[in-house]
PDB file of N, CA and C in Angstrom:
ATOM      1  N   UNK A   1     -26.190  26.273  25.272  1.00  0.00           N
ATOM      2  CA  UNK A   1     -25.189  27.095  24.628  1.00  0.00           C
ATOM      3  C   UNK A   1     -25.776  27.643  23.330  1.00  0.00           C
ATOM      4  N   UNK A   2     -25.571  28.887  23.110  1.00  0.00           N
ATOM      5  CA  UNK A   2     -25.986  29.504  21.858  1.00  0.00           C
ATOM      6  C   UNK A   2     -24.753  30.004  21.121  1.00  0.00           C
ATOM      7  N   UNK A   3     -24.767  29.808  19.820  1.00  0.00           N
ATOM      8  CA  UNK A   3     -23.660  30.259  18.984  1.00  0.00           C
ATOM      9  C   UNK A   3     -24.227  31.195  17.933  1.00  0.00           C
ATOM     10  N   UNK A   4     -23.563  32.312  17.735  1.00  0.00           N
ATOM     11  CA  UNK A   4     -23.972  33.274  16.715  1.00  0.00           C
ATOM     12  C   UNK A   4     -22.864  33.377  15.683  1.00  0.00           C
ATOM     13  N   UNK A   5     -23.215  33.130  14.447  1.00  0.00           N
ATOM     14  CA  UNK A   5     -22.235  33.239  13.372  1.00  0.00           C
ATOM     15  C   UNK A   5     -22.091  34.702  12.990  1.00  0.00           C
ATOM     16  N   UNK A   6     -20.875  35.197  13.041  1.00  0.00           N
ATOM     17  CA  UNK A   6     -20.644  36.609  12.739  1.00  0.00           C
ATOM     18  C   UNK A   6     -20.251  36.843  11.284  1.00  0.00           C
ATOM     19  N   UNK A   7     -19.903  35.788  10.583  1.00  0.00           N
ATOM     20  CA  UNK A   7     -19.541  35.917   9.172  1.00  0.00           C
ATOM     21  C   UNK A   7     -20.760  35.558   8.320  1.00  0.00           C
ATOM     22  N   UNK A   8     -21.247  36.501   7.532  1.00  0.00           N
ATOM     23  CA  UNK A   8     -22.456  36.252   6.733  1.00  0.00           C
ATOM     24  C   UNK A   8     -22.351  35.051   5.805  1.00  0.00           C
ATOM     25  N   UNK A   9     -21.154  34.824   5.256  1.00  0.00           N
ATOM     26  CA  UNK A   9     -21.008  33.698   4.326  1.00  0.00           C
ATOM     27  C   UNK A   9     -21.201  32.361   5.037  1.00  0.00           C
ATOM     28  N   UNK A  10     -20.836  32.299   6.307  1.00  0.00           N
ATOM     29  CA  UNK A  10     -21.054  31.061   7.066  1.00  0.00           C
ATOM     30  C   UNK A  10     -22.537  30.850   7.331  1.00  0.00           C
ATOM     31  N   UNK A  11     -23.221  31.918   7.693  1.00  0.00           N
ATOM     32  CA  UNK A  11     -24.664  31.826   7.934  1.00  0.00           C
ATOM     33  C   UNK A  11     -25.382  31.406   6.652  1.00  0.00           C
ATOM     34  N   UNK A  12     -24.980  31.956   5.513  1.00  0.00           N
ATOM     35  CA  UNK A  12     -25.599  31.582   4.232  1.00  0.00           C
ATOM     36  C   UNK A  12     -25.327  30.115   3.918  1.00  0.00           C
ATOM     37  N   UNK A  13     -24.126  29.673   4.195  1.00  0.00           N
ATOM     38  CA  UNK A  13     -23.766  28.282   3.944  1.00  0.00           C
ATOM     39  C   UNK A  13     -24.636  27.344   4.780  1.00  0.00           C
ATOM     40  N   UNK A  14     -24.767  27.655   6.058  1.00  0.00           N
ATOM     41  CA  UNK A  14     -25.594  26.831   6.951  1.00  0.00           C
ATOM     42  C   UNK A  14     -27.033  26.830   6.471  1.00  0.00           C
ATOM     43  N   UNK A  15     -27.564  28.006   6.151  1.00  0.00           N
ATOM     44  CA  UNK A  15     -28.949  28.103   5.673  1.00  0.00           C
ATOM     45  C   UNK A  15     -29.146  27.283   4.395  1.00  0.00           C
ATOM     46  N   UNK A  16     -28.174  27.328   3.495  1.00  0.00           N
ATOM     47  CA  UNK A  16     -28.278  26.577   2.243  1.00  0.00           C
ATOM     48  C   UNK A  16     -28.316  25.078   2.495  1.00  0.00           C
ATOM     49  N   UNK A  17     -27.532  24.605   3.459  1.00  0.00           N
ATOM     50  CA  UNK A  17     -27.522  23.175   3.787  1.00  0.00           C
ATOM     51  C   UNK A  17     -28.870  22.724   4.333  1.00  0.00           C
ATOM     52  N   UNK A  18     -29.463  23.572   5.171  1.00  0.00           N
ATOM     53  CA  UNK A  18     -30.778  23.240   5.740  1.00  0.00           C
ATOM     54  C   UNK A  18     -31.840  23.291   4.653  1.00  0.00           C
ATOM     55  N   UNK A  19     -31.828  24.347   3.835  1.00  0.00           N
ATOM     56  CA  UNK A  19     -32.827  24.492   2.765  1.00  0.00           C
ATOM     57  C   UNK A  19     -32.729  23.373   1.738  1.00  0.00           C
ATOM     58  N   UNK A  20     -31.524  22.864   1.513  1.00  0.00           N
ATOM     59  CA  UNK A  20     -31.327  21.772   0.556  1.00  0.00           C
ATOM     60  C   UNK A  20     -31.790  20.431   1.119  1.00  0.00           C
ATOM     61  N   UNK A  21     -32.119  20.428   2.405  1.00  0.00           N
ATOM     62  CA  UNK A  21     -32.590  19.197   3.031  1.00  0.00           C
ATOM     63  C   UNK A  21     -31.474  18.283   3.496  1.00  0.00           C
ATOM     64  N   UNK A  22     -30.249  18.783   3.479  1.00  0.00           N
ATOM     65  CA  UNK A  22     -29.129  17.949   3.910  1.00  0.00           C
ATOM     66  C   UNK A  22     -29.078  17.796   5.430  1.00  0.00           C
ATOM     67  N   UNK A  23     -29.648  18.771   6.130  1.00  0.00           N
ATOM     68  CA  UNK A  23     -29.686  18.763   7.586  1.00  0.00           C
ATOM     69  C   UNK A  23     -31.047  19.272   8.036  1.00  0.00           C
ATOM     70  N   UNK A  24     -31.520  18.788   9.173  1.00  0.00           N
ATOM     71  CA  UNK A  24     -32.827  19.239   9.647  1.00  0.00           C
ATOM     72  C   UNK A  24     -32.814  20.636  10.282  1.00  0.00           C
ATOM     73  N   UNK A  25     -31.644  21.102  10.686  1.00  0.00           N
ATOM     74  CA  UNK A  25     -31.565  22.397  11.363  1.00  0.00           C
ATOM     75  C   UNK A  25     -30.154  22.958  11.285  1.00  0.00           C
ATOM     76  N   UNK A  26     -30.038  24.239  11.607  1.00  0.00           N
ATOM     77  CA  UNK A  26     -28.721  24.877  11.654  1.00  0.00           C
ATOM     78  C   UNK A  26     -27.864  24.220  12.723  1.00  0.00           C
ATOM     79  N   UNK A  27     -28.482  23.846  13.821  1.00  0.00           N
ATOM     80  CA  UNK A  27     -27.744  23.183  14.897  1.00  0.00           C
ATOM     81  C   UNK A  27     -27.112  21.892  14.390  1.00  0.00           C
ATOM     82  N   UNK A  28     -27.844  21.133  13.577  1.00  0.00           N
ATOM     83  CA  UNK A  28     -27.323  19.875  13.047  1.00  0.00           C
ATOM     84  C   UNK A  28     -26.125  20.120  12.135  1.00  0.00           C
ATOM     85  N   UNK A  29     -26.142  21.202  11.363  1.00  0.00           N
ATOM     86  CA  UNK A  29     -25.012  21.536  10.491  1.00  0.00           C
ATOM     87  C   UNK A  29     -23.772  21.793  11.336  1.00  0.00           C
ATOM     88  N   UNK A  30     -23.925  22.614  12.362  1.00  0.00           N
ATOM     89  CA  UNK A  30     -22.794  22.976  13.219  1.00  0.00           C
ATOM     90  C   UNK A  30     -22.285  21.743  13.967  1.00  0.00           C
ATOM     91  N   UNK A  31     -23.193  20.923  14.473  1.00  0.00           N
ATOM     92  CA  UNK A  31     -22.776  19.715  15.186  1.00  0.00           C
ATOM     93  C   UNK A  31     -21.996  18.784  14.263  1.00  0.00           C
ATOM     94  N   UNK A  32     -22.461  18.625  13.017  1.00  0.00           N
ATOM     95  CA  UNK A  32     -21.755  17.778  12.065  1.00  0.00           C
ATOM     96  C   UNK A  32     -20.347  18.316  11.810  1.00  0.00           C
ATOM     97  N   UNK A  33     -20.239  19.619  11.655  1.00  0.00           N
ATOM     98  CA  UNK A  33     -18.925  20.228  11.415  1.00  0.00           C
ATOM     99  C   UNK A  33     -17.995  19.995  12.600  1.00  0.00           C
ATOM    100  N   UNK A  34     -18.525  20.109  13.803  1.00  0.00           N
ATOM    101  CA  UNK A  34     -17.698  19.905  14.988  1.00  0.00           C
ATOM    102  C   UNK A  34     -17.261  18.449  15.127  1.00  0.00           C
ATOM    103  N   UNK A  35     -18.153  17.532  14.823  1.00  0.00           N
ATOM    104  CA  UNK A  35     -17.794  16.109  14.868  1.00  0.00           C
ATOM    105  C   UNK A  35     -16.672  15.831  13.877  1.00  0.00           C
ATOM    106  N   UNK A  36     -16.781  16.412  12.679  1.00  0.00           N
ATOM    107  CA  UNK A  36     -15.734  16.211  11.671  1.00  0.00           C
ATOM    108  C   UNK A  36     -14.400  16.787  12.149  1.00  0.00           C
ATOM    109  N   UNK A  37     -14.436  17.938  12.795  1.00  0.00           N
ATOM    110  CA  UNK A  37     -13.213  18.533  13.323  1.00  0.00           C
ATOM    111  C   UNK A  37     -12.587  17.635  14.380  1.00  0.00           C
ATOM    112  N   UNK A  38     -13.423  17.060  15.246  1.00  0.00           N
ATOM    113  CA  UNK A  38     -12.914  16.177  16.289  1.00  0.00           C
ATOM    114  C   UNK A  38     -12.281  14.933  15.673  1.00  0.00           C
ATOM    115  N   UNK A  39     -12.931  14.374  14.656  1.00  0.00           N
ATOM    116  CA  UNK A  39     -12.389  13.187  13.996  1.00  0.00           C
ATOM    117  C   UNK A  39     -11.068  13.506  13.311  1.00  0.00           C
ATOM    118  N   UNK A  40     -10.993  14.673  12.706  1.00  0.00           N
ATOM    119  CA  UNK A  40      -9.756  15.083  12.034  1.00  0.00           C
ATOM    120  C   UNK A  40      -8.610  15.200  13.025  1.00  0.00           C
ATOM    121  N   UNK A  41      -8.884  15.745  14.200  1.00  0.00           N
ATOM    122  CA  UNK A  41      -7.844  15.856  15.223  1.00  0.00           C
ATOM    123  C   UNK A  41      -7.359  14.483  15.668  1.00  0.00           C
ATOM    124  N   UNK A  42      -8.269  13.532  15.742  1.00  0.00           N
ATOM    125  CA  UNK A  42      -7.900  12.191  16.177  1.00  0.00           C
ATOM    126  C   UNK A  42      -7.052  11.485  15.132  1.00  0.00           C
ATOM    127  N   UNK A  43      -7.159  11.898  13.871  1.00  0.00           N
ATOM    128  CA  UNK A  43      -6.404  11.264  12.803  1.00  0.00           C
ATOM    129  C   UNK A  43      -4.989  11.812  12.690  1.00  0.00           C
ATOM    130  N   UNK A  44      -4.681  12.837  13.440  1.00  0.00           N
ATOM    131  CA  UNK A  44      -3.357  13.440  13.384  1.00  0.00           C
ATOM    132  C   UNK A  44      -2.342  12.509  14.032  1.00  0.00           C
ATOM    133  N   UNK A  45      -1.249  12.301  13.355  1.00  0.00           N
ATOM    134  CA  UNK A  45      -0.198  11.431  13.885  1.00  0.00           C
ATOM    135  C   UNK A  45       0.584  12.149  14.974  1.00  0.00           C
ATOM    136  N   UNK A  46       0.862  11.426  16.044  1.00  0.00           N
ATOM    137  CA  UNK A  46       1.656  11.981  17.141  1.00  0.00           C
ATOM    138  C   UNK A  46       3.137  11.821  16.825  1.00  0.00           C
ATOM    139  N   UNK A  47       3.970  12.437  17.637  1.00  0.00           N
ATOM    140  CA  UNK A  47       5.419  12.274  17.478  1.00  0.00           C
ATOM    141  C   UNK A  47       5.814  10.810  17.630  1.00  0.00           C
ATOM    142  N   UNK A  48       5.166  10.104  18.558  1.00  0.00           N
ATOM    143  CA  UNK A  48       5.451   8.671  18.740  1.00  0.00           C
ATOM    144  C   UNK A  48       5.080   7.878  17.491  1.00  0.00           C
ATOM    145  N   UNK A  49       3.944   8.230  16.872  1.00  0.00           N
ATOM    146  CA  UNK A  49       3.531   7.560  15.643  1.00  0.00           C
ATOM    147  C   UNK A  49       4.572   7.769  14.547  1.00  0.00           C
ATOM    148  N   UNK A  50       4.992   9.021  14.385  1.00  0.00           N
ATOM    149  CA  UNK A  50       5.965   9.344  13.342  1.00  0.00           C
ATOM    150  C   UNK A  50       7.292   8.638  13.580  1.00  0.00           C
ATOM    151  N   UNK A  51       7.718   8.536  14.834  1.00  0.00           N
ATOM    152  CA  UNK A  51       8.966   7.850  15.174  1.00  0.00           C
ATOM    153  C   UNK A  51       8.847   6.359  14.877  1.00  0.00           C
ATOM    154  N   UNK A  52       7.704   5.762  15.200  1.00  0.00           N
ATOM    155  CA  UNK A  52       7.497   4.342  14.934  1.00  0.00           C
ATOM    156  C   UNK A  52       7.525   4.071  13.427  1.00  0.00           C
ATOM    157  N   UNK A  53       6.937   4.961  12.649  1.00  0.00           N
ATOM    158  CA  UNK A  53       6.959   4.818  11.193  1.00  0.00           C
ATOM    159  C   UNK A  53       8.388   4.925  10.676  1.00  0.00           C
ATOM    160  N   UNK A  54       9.129   5.874  11.215  1.00  0.00           N
ATOM    161  CA  UNK A  54      10.526   6.050  10.799  1.00  0.00           C
ATOM    162  C   UNK A  54      11.341   4.803  11.118  1.00  0.00           C
ATOM    163  N   UNK A  55      11.167   4.249  12.311  1.00  0.00           N
ATOM    164  CA  UNK A  55      11.896   3.038  12.693  1.00  0.00           C
ATOM    165  C   UNK A  55      11.526   1.863  11.797  1.00  0.00           C
ATOM    166  N   UNK A  56      10.249   1.754  11.458  1.00  0.00           N
ATOM    167  CA  UNK A  56       9.809   0.676  10.575  1.00  0.00           C
ATOM    168  C   UNK A  56      10.408   0.841   9.183  1.00  0.00           C
ATOM    169  N   UNK A  57      10.429   2.069   8.685  1.00  0.00           N
ATOM    170  CA  UNK A  57      11.042   2.330   7.378  1.00  0.00           C
ATOM    171  C   UNK A  57      12.518   1.956   7.386  1.00  0.00           C
ATOM    172  N   UNK A  58      13.211   2.306   8.448  1.00  0.00           N
ATOM    173  CA  UNK A  58      14.637   1.979   8.551  1.00  0.00           C
ATOM    174  C   UNK A  58      14.852   0.472   8.590  1.00  0.00           C
ATOM    175  N   UNK A  59      13.990  -0.241   9.309  1.00  0.00           N
ATOM    176  CA  UNK A  59      14.089  -1.697   9.373  1.00  0.00           C
ATOM    177  C   UNK A  59      13.847  -2.306   7.995  1.00  0.00           C
ATOM    178  N   UNK A  60      12.867  -1.779   7.271  1.00  0.00           N
ATOM    179  CA  UNK A  60      12.595  -2.269   5.918  1.00  0.00           C
ATOM    180  C   UNK A  60      13.800  -2.040   5.021  1.00  0.00           C
ATOM    181  N   UNK A  61      14.426  -0.856   5.141  1.00  0.00           N
ATOM    182  CA  UNK A  61      15.608  -0.545   4.332  1.00  0.00           C
ATOM    183  C   UNK A  61      16.751  -1.513   4.616  1.00  0.00           C
ATOM    184  N   UNK A  62      16.811  -2.022   5.849  1.00  0.00           N
ATOM    185  CA  UNK A  62      17.866  -2.978   6.204  1.00  0.00           C
ATOM    186  C   UNK A  62      17.480  -4.408   5.831  1.00  0.00           C
ATOM    187  N   UNK A  63      16.313  -4.580   5.254  1.00  0.00           N
ATOM    188  CA  UNK A  63      15.866  -5.911   4.856  1.00  0.00           C
ATOM    189  C   UNK A  63      15.211  -6.684   5.981  1.00  0.00           C
ATOM    190  N   UNK A  64      14.876  -6.020   7.058  1.00  0.00           N
ATOM    191  CA  UNK A  64      14.267  -6.678   8.217  1.00  0.00           C
ATOM    192  C   UNK A  64      12.747  -6.646   8.076  1.00  0.00           C
ATOM    193  N   UNK A  65      12.262  -7.518   7.221  1.00  0.00           N
ATOM    194  CA  UNK A  65      10.818  -7.597   7.040  1.00  0.00           C
ATOM    195  C   UNK A  65      10.446  -8.995   6.571  1.00  0.00           C
ATOM    196  N   UNK A  66       9.170  -9.276   6.609  1.00  0.00           N
ATOM    197  CA  UNK A  66       8.646 -10.564   6.176  1.00  0.00           C
ATOM    198  C   UNK A  66       7.757 -10.306   4.967  1.00  0.00           C
ATOM    199  N   UNK A  67       7.916 -11.114   3.946  1.00  0.00           N
ATOM    200  CA  UNK A  67       7.052 -11.013   2.775  1.00  0.00           C
ATOM    201  C   UNK A  67       5.616 -11.312   3.197  1.00  0.00           C
ATOM    202  N   UNK A  68       4.702 -10.417   2.867  1.00  0.00           N
ATOM    203  CA  UNK A  68       3.323 -10.582   3.316  1.00  0.00           C
ATOM    204  C   UNK A  68       2.696 -11.862   2.810  1.00  0.00           C
ATOM    205  N   UNK A  69       2.875 -12.180   1.532  1.00  0.00           N
ATOM    206  CA  UNK A  69       2.248 -13.384   0.989  1.00  0.00           C
ATOM    207  C   UNK A  69       2.768 -14.640   1.680  1.00  0.00           C
ATOM    208  N   UNK A  70       4.062 -14.684   1.951  1.00  0.00           N
ATOM    209  CA  UNK A  70       4.633 -15.835   2.655  1.00  0.00           C
ATOM    210  C   UNK A  70       4.055 -15.932   4.067  1.00  0.00           C
ATOM    211  N   UNK A  71       3.951 -14.792   4.743  1.00  0.00           N
ATOM    212  CA  UNK A  71       3.384 -14.771   6.089  1.00  0.00           C
ATOM    213  C   UNK A  71       1.925 -15.210   6.058  1.00  0.00           C
ATOM    214  N   UNK A  72       1.151 -14.677   5.099  1.00  0.00           N
ATOM    215  CA  UNK A  72      -0.265 -15.028   4.997  1.00  0.00           C
ATOM    216  C   UNK A  72      -0.434 -16.524   4.738  1.00  0.00           C
ATOM    217  N   UNK A  73       0.383 -17.085   3.847  1.00  0.00           N
ATOM    218  CA  UNK A  73       0.316 -18.523   3.576  1.00  0.00           C
ATOM    219  C   UNK A  73       0.610 -19.331   4.828  1.00  0.00           C
ATOM    220  N   UNK A  74       1.637 -18.897   5.578  1.00  0.00           N
ATOM    221  CA  UNK A  74       1.996 -19.576   6.818  1.00  0.00           C
ATOM    222  C   UNK A  74       0.845 -19.543   7.820  1.00  0.00           C
ATOM    223  N   UNK A  75       0.185 -18.417   7.947  1.00  0.00           N
ATOM    224  CA  UNK A  75      -0.926 -18.284   8.898  1.00  0.00           C
ATOM    225  C   UNK A  75      -2.134 -19.106   8.444  1.00  0.00           C
ATOM    226  N   UNK A  76      -2.382 -19.138   7.141  1.00  0.00           N
ATOM    227  CA  UNK A  76      -3.483 -19.960   6.634  1.00  0.00           C
ATOM    228  C   UNK A  76      -3.260 -21.433   6.958  1.00  0.00           C
ATOM    229  N   UNK A  77      -2.020 -21.892   6.759  1.00  0.00           N
ATOM    230  CA  UNK A  77      -1.693 -23.280   7.083  1.00  0.00           C
ATOM    231  C   UNK A  77      -1.837 -23.536   8.579  1.00  0.00           C
ATOM    232  N   UNK A  78      -1.312 -22.619   9.372  1.00  0.00           N
ATOM    233  CA  UNK A  78      -1.333 -22.776  10.824  1.00  0.00           C
ATOM    234  C   UNK A  78      -2.766 -22.865  11.361  1.00  0.00           C
ATOM    235  N   UNK A  79      -3.661 -22.033  10.798  1.00  0.00           N
ATOM    236  CA  UNK A  79      -5.022 -21.976  11.317  1.00  0.00           C
ATOM    237  C   UNK A  79      -6.027 -22.708  10.430  1.00  0.00           C
ATOM    238  N   UNK A  80      -5.527 -23.434   9.434  1.00  0.00           N
ATOM    239  CA  UNK A  80      -6.403 -24.251   8.598  1.00  0.00           C
ATOM    240  C   UNK A  80      -7.382 -23.462   7.756  1.00  0.00           C
ATOM    241  N   UNK A  81      -6.955 -22.303   7.312  1.00  0.00           N
ATOM    242  CA  UNK A  81      -7.819 -21.479   6.463  1.00  0.00           C
ATOM    243  C   UNK A  81      -7.361 -21.617   5.038  1.00  0.00           C
ATOM    244  N   UNK A  82      -8.334 -21.732   4.123  1.00  0.00           N
ATOM    245  CA  UNK A  82      -7.984 -21.899   2.702  1.00  0.00           C
ATOM    246  C   UNK A  82      -7.896 -20.572   2.023  1.00  0.00           C
TER     247      UNK A  82
END
């Protein structure tokens, strides 16, 4: 696959990254950018995620939660961790 950058500012940016020694080639710059885009998409919360967060917030508002320090102490005792 070959990609041609049609915006001069993008080509200059890629060239600057290679010339600065940050990447070995223009291909490496583009690949890094694409990997970052893929990771960013994976970090996006789904509707199910948002609903689960909302339900958890509502439960917390109703007092339905466990104090973390108390829980951690209980688990340390249970598993013999100091």
